[in-house]
């Protein structure tokens, strides 16, 4: 599952889903994490993860620009019976702050002047599911991200127009079957993503929808090497798409060699 493991050898497709690529949920955090699990029955295991971190900011790896810690919560269930079923639910909440700091000196003292470039409160929540039975592999993830700017931290979009608050959401469904020969798995995916246009400033911030359809082959000839080949076509539902990067359709062929060592 992308939300738990971003390692290319363990992931079946070549490309990240849009919701993962745009990090609706932070890909990594710096902080503390507590986790645990227990057996609810002979076939059911329940688990949890609770995290406190610097959240999302330009120096999140080593610092926090607003001293407002982010909280992460994940609950998961594993059922082992006729196949293996994993279900998960998670949430994340915090404040993003991007500051510009300047040192100002006077005759009597030295001051630190802070200017907020961008600041917003964000909440992310989502669900994931995976079912494996022999060579059959089915999985899906859904993530919703809400962003609300503070009065001081709302940036200009273009001219006198400010960036609006936004709710972005996306999900994907993947199905494949793993054969014993060369660990070959043919698979197919459908990827969906919806957001307010913030990339092409010549267009208004209307809601854009992107849908990708992919088929591919994933092969694991050895335990530490994964080969991938994937063809895809993107279909966009975008206002005023003519002349933009989102003219329909957008075909692509992608390949990847992933080596774990």
Protein backbone atom coordinates (compact mmCIF):
# COMPACT_ATOMS: atom_id res chain seq x y z
CA UNK A 1 0.00 0.00 0.00
CA UNK A 2 1.43 3.36 -1.05
CA UNK A 3 0.44 5.06 2.21
CA UNK A 4 2.47 2.55 4.25
CA UNK A 5 5.38 1.48 2.03
CA UNK A 6 6.86 3.66 -0.72
CA UNK A 7 9.60 1.20 -1.69
CA UNK A 8 9.63 0.67 -5.46
CA UNK A 9 10.41 -3.09 -5.30
CA UNK A 10 7.32 -3.77 -3.20
CA UNK A 11 4.92 -1.57 -5.18
CA UNK A 12 3.23 -3.19 -8.18
CA UNK A 13 2.73 -0.27 -10.68
CA UNK A 14 5.41 2.01 -12.11
CA UNK A 15 3.93 5.42 -11.32
CA UNK A 16 2.51 6.77 -8.10
CA UNK A 17 -1.21 7.56 -7.93
CA UNK A 18 -1.85 11.32 -8.11
CA UNK A 19 -2.93 11.50 -4.46
CA UNK A 20 0.42 9.99 -3.40
CA UNK A 21 2.50 11.98 -5.90
CA UNK A 22 0.97 15.26 -4.63
CA UNK A 23 1.35 14.11 -1.00
CA UNK A 24 -2.18 14.56 0.29
CA UNK A 25 -0.70 12.61 3.19
CA UNK A 26 2.92 13.61 3.97
CA UNK A 27 5.25 10.96 2.59
CA UNK A 28 7.50 11.22 5.65
CA UNK A 29 7.51 13.01 8.98
CA UNK A 30 10.05 13.82 11.70
CA UNK A 31 8.82 13.12 15.20
CA UNK A 32 7.67 10.33 17.50
CA UNK A 33 5.54 7.31 16.64
CA UNK A 34 3.95 4.75 18.94
CA UNK A 35 2.53 1.57 17.47
CA UNK A 36 1.13 -1.71 18.68
CA UNK A 37 -1.11 -4.64 17.84
CA UNK A 38 -3.02 -7.42 19.55
CA UNK A 39 -4.96 -10.54 18.61
CA UNK A 40 -8.71 -10.00 18.71
CA UNK A 41 -9.24 -13.67 17.77
CA UNK A 42 -7.31 -16.52 16.18
CA UNK A 43 -7.82 -15.01 12.73
CA UNK A 44 -8.05 -11.26 13.44
CA UNK A 45 -5.26 -8.86 14.45
CA UNK A 46 -5.94 -5.22 15.34
CA UNK A 47 -3.25 -2.54 15.29
CA UNK A 48 -2.71 1.17 15.84
CA UNK A 49 -0.17 3.92 15.19
CA UNK A 50 -0.13 7.33 16.90
CA UNK A 51 2.36 9.99 15.83
CA UNK A 52 3.44 13.50 16.85
CA UNK A 53 5.68 15.34 14.39
CA UNK A 54 6.95 18.65 13.03
CA UNK A 55 4.26 18.34 10.39
CA UNK A 56 4.75 19.81 6.96
CA UNK A 57 7.06 22.81 6.48
CA UNK A 58 10.25 23.65 4.54
CA UNK A 59 12.53 22.61 7.43
CA UNK A 60 10.40 19.72 8.76
CA UNK A 61 13.39 17.33 8.76
CA UNK A 62 15.00 19.21 11.65
CA UNK A 63 12.66 22.00 12.82
CA UNK A 64 9.17 23.41 13.19
CA UNK A 65 8.40 26.89 11.90
CA UNK A 66 5.25 27.46 13.95
CA UNK A 67 5.63 25.18 17.03
CA UNK A 68 2.30 23.63 16.05
CA UNK A 69 2.80 19.87 16.13
CA UNK A 70 0.98 17.59 13.69
CA UNK A 71 -0.89 14.48 14.82
CA UNK A 72 -1.20 11.21 12.89
CA UNK A 73 -3.50 8.30 13.74
CA UNK A 74 -3.84 4.96 11.98
CA UNK A 75 -6.03 1.95 12.80
CA UNK A 76 -5.72 -1.34 10.96
CA UNK A 77 -7.26 -4.80 10.86
CA UNK A 78 -5.74 -7.98 9.45
CA UNK A 79 -7.91 -11.05 8.87
CA UNK A 80 -6.36 -14.34 7.85
CA UNK A 81 -8.82 -16.93 6.61
CA UNK A 82 -9.75 -17.68 3.01
CA UNK A 83 -6.96 -15.40 1.87
CA UNK A 84 -5.55 -12.40 3.72
CA UNK A 85 -7.60 -9.21 4.15
CA UNK A 86 -6.10 -5.90 5.39
CA UNK A 87 -8.26 -2.87 6.20
CA UNK A 88 -6.94 0.50 7.35
CA UNK A 89 -8.18 3.96 8.32
CA UNK A 90 -5.97 6.95 9.01
CA UNK A 91 -6.03 10.66 9.75
CA UNK A 92 -3.55 13.53 9.86
CA UNK A 93 -3.93 17.09 11.11
CA UNK A 94 -1.49 19.99 11.37
CA UNK A 95 -0.51 23.49 10.28
CA UNK A 96 1.80 24.25 7.37
CA UNK A 97 3.89 27.42 7.74
CA UNK A 98 6.47 28.89 5.39
CA UNK A 99 8.31 31.85 6.92
CA UNK A 100 10.80 34.33 5.55
CA UNK A 101 13.13 35.39 8.36
CA UNK A 102 15.32 38.49 8.19
CA UNK A 103 17.73 39.89 10.77
CA UNK A 104 17.13 43.59 11.42
CA UNK A 105 19.74 45.59 13.35
CA UNK A 106 19.29 48.94 15.07
CA UNK A 107 21.63 51.07 17.15
CA UNK A 108 20.54 49.29 20.33
CA UNK A 109 19.47 45.75 19.42
CA UNK A 110 19.17 42.95 16.87
CA UNK A 111 15.68 41.77 15.86
CA UNK A 112 14.37 38.81 13.92
CA UNK A 113 11.69 39.91 11.47
CA UNK A 114 9.34 37.13 10.33
CA UNK A 115 7.15 37.36 7.23
CA UNK A 116 4.62 34.58 6.59
CA UNK A 117 4.75 33.54 2.94
CA UNK A 118 2.13 30.81 3.24
CA UNK A 119 0.19 29.23 6.10
CA UNK A 120 -2.76 26.88 6.24
CA UNK A 121 -4.40 24.32 8.49
CA UNK A 122 -4.79 20.90 6.90
CA UNK A 123 -6.71 17.74 7.66
CA UNK A 124 -6.23 14.47 5.78
CA UNK A 125 -8.17 11.26 6.20
CA UNK A 126 -8.45 8.09 4.20
CA UNK A 127 -9.03 4.37 3.93
CA UNK A 128 -7.20 1.44 2.36
CA UNK A 129 -7.98 -2.21 1.67
CA UNK A 130 -6.02 -5.16 0.31
CA UNK A 131 -7.04 -8.77 -0.34
CA UNK A 132 -4.62 -11.53 -1.36
CA UNK A 133 -5.68 -15.09 -2.20
CA UNK A 134 -2.98 -17.23 -3.76
CA UNK A 135 -1.80 -15.26 -6.81
CA UNK A 136 -4.82 -12.93 -6.78
CA UNK A 137 -4.05 -9.41 -5.52
CA UNK A 138 -6.68 -6.68 -5.10
CA UNK A 139 -6.11 -3.33 -3.39
CA UNK A 140 -7.54 0.17 -3.18
CA UNK A 141 -6.84 3.44 -1.36
CA UNK A 142 -8.82 6.66 -0.90
CA UNK A 143 -7.47 9.95 0.52
CA UNK A 144 -9.25 13.27 1.18
CA UNK A 145 -7.24 16.42 1.98
CA UNK A 146 -8.74 19.72 3.19
CA UNK A 147 -6.70 22.92 3.29
CA UNK A 148 -7.86 26.20 4.87
CA UNK A 149 -5.57 29.24 4.75
CA UNK A 150 -5.10 31.56 7.71
CA UNK A 151 -5.79 35.29 7.32
CA UNK A 152 -2.07 36.12 7.38
CA UNK A 153 -0.96 33.16 5.33
CA UNK A 154 -3.19 33.20 2.22
CA UNK A 155 -0.88 33.72 -0.80
CA UNK A 156 -1.66 35.61 -3.98
CA UNK A 157 -2.62 33.42 -6.91
CA UNK A 158 -2.42 35.95 -9.72
CA UNK A 159 -2.82 39.73 -9.78
CA UNK A 160 -5.13 40.63 -6.89
CA UNK A 161 -6.69 37.17 -6.70
CA UNK A 162 -5.83 35.07 -3.65
CA UNK A 163 -5.46 31.31 -3.48
CA UNK A 164 -8.78 29.73 -2.40
CA UNK A 165 -9.23 27.04 0.22
CA UNK A 166 -9.31 23.60 -1.35
CA UNK A 167 -10.54 20.07 -0.86
CA UNK A 168 -8.57 17.54 -2.88
CA UNK A 169 -9.39 13.88 -3.04
CA UNK A 170 -8.35 10.83 -4.98
CA UNK A 171 -8.28 7.09 -5.06
CA UNK A 172 -7.30 4.10 -7.09
CA UNK A 173 -8.24 0.45 -7.61
CA UNK A 174 -5.67 -2.18 -8.60
CA UNK A 175 -6.12 -5.82 -9.56
CA UNK A 176 -3.56 -8.39 -10.65
CA UNK A 177 -2.58 -12.03 -10.57
CA UNK A 178 0.92 -13.31 -9.69
CA UNK A 179 2.13 -16.42 -11.55
CA UNK A 180 4.99 -18.62 -10.42
CA UNK A 181 6.92 -18.28 -13.72
CA UNK A 182 9.39 -15.39 -13.24
CA UNK A 183 7.01 -14.02 -10.63
CA UNK A 184 5.03 -12.49 -13.49
CA UNK A 185 1.94 -10.42 -12.63
CA UNK A 186 -0.33 -8.81 -15.24
CA UNK A 187 -2.29 -6.00 -13.61
CA UNK A 188 -4.69 -3.14 -14.30
CA UNK A 189 -5.36 0.09 -12.40
CA UNK A 190 -7.81 2.98 -12.43
CA UNK A 191 -6.60 6.22 -10.79
CA UNK A 192 -8.94 9.16 -9.98
CA UNK A 193 -8.03 12.62 -8.67
CA UNK A 194 -10.02 15.84 -8.15
CA UNK A 195 -8.67 19.28 -7.16
CA UNK A 196 -8.96 23.01 -7.76
CA UNK A 197 -6.70 24.22 -10.56
CA UNK A 198 -3.64 25.83 -9.02
CA UNK A 199 -1.00 24.94 -11.63
CA UNK A 200 -2.12 26.85 -14.73
CA UNK A 201 -2.64 30.46 -13.68
CA UNK A 202 -4.13 31.41 -17.06
CA UNK A 203 -7.20 29.35 -16.11
CA UNK A 204 -9.53 30.06 -13.18
CA UNK A 205 -9.37 27.85 -10.05
CA UNK A 206 -12.14 25.55 -11.26
CA UNK A 207 -12.36 21.90 -10.22
CA UNK A 208 -10.31 19.59 -12.43
CA UNK A 209 -10.70 15.83 -12.55
CA UNK A 210 -7.99 13.47 -13.80
CA UNK A 211 -8.61 9.78 -14.53
CA UNK A 212 -5.87 7.34 -15.55
CA UNK A 213 -6.39 3.86 -16.95
CA UNK A 214 -3.36 1.55 -16.94
CA UNK A 215 -2.42 -2.02 -17.78
CA UNK A 216 0.99 -3.48 -17.10
CA UNK A 217 3.30 -6.36 -16.31
CA UNK A 218 5.24 -6.73 -13.05
CA UNK A 219 7.92 -9.42 -12.84
CA UNK A 220 10.04 -10.55 -9.89
CA UNK A 221 12.66 -12.88 -11.42
CA UNK A 222 14.64 -12.82 -8.15
CA UNK A 223 13.77 -11.89 -4.60
CA UNK A 224 15.43 -8.47 -4.81
CA UNK A 225 14.74 -7.39 -8.43
CA UNK A 226 11.42 -6.17 -9.83
CA UNK A 227 10.81 -5.35 -13.51
CA UNK A 228 7.82 -3.27 -14.60
CA UNK A 229 6.28 -2.23 -17.93
CA UNK A 230 3.10 -0.19 -18.07
CA UNK A 231 0.92 1.51 -20.64
CA UNK A 232 -1.59 4.16 -19.63
CA UNK A 233 -3.98 6.76 -20.95
CA UNK A 234 -5.09 9.87 -19.09
CA UNK A 235 -8.56 11.36 -19.53
CA UNK A 236 -9.12 14.86 -18.14
CA UNK A 237 -12.26 16.76 -17.24
CA UNK A 238 -10.91 20.30 -17.28
CA UNK A 239 -12.57 23.64 -18.09
CA UNK A 240 -10.84 25.47 -20.95
CA UNK A 241 -8.42 22.60 -21.53
CA UNK A 242 -7.51 23.68 -25.09
CA UNK A 243 -3.89 24.81 -25.20
CA UNK A 244 -3.21 23.59 -21.66
CA UNK A 245 -1.27 20.56 -20.46
CA UNK A 246 -4.56 18.71 -19.98
CA UNK A 247 -5.78 18.21 -23.53
CA UNK A 248 -7.40 14.78 -23.97
CA UNK A 249 -6.21 12.10 -24.20
CA UNK A 250 -2.67 11.75 -22.85
CA UNK A 251 -1.06 8.34 -23.59
CA UNK A 252 2.18 7.17 -21.97
CA UNK A 253 4.41 4.11 -21.72
CA UNK A 254 6.57 3.72 -18.61
CA UNK A 255 9.10 1.14 -17.43
CA UNK A 256 11.08 0.61 -14.25
CA UNK A 257 13.80 -1.64 -12.84
CA UNK A 258 13.74 -1.73 -9.03
CA UNK A 259 16.64 -3.36 -7.19
CA UNK A 260 16.66 -3.83 -3.43
CA UNK A 261 20.12 -4.27 -1.88
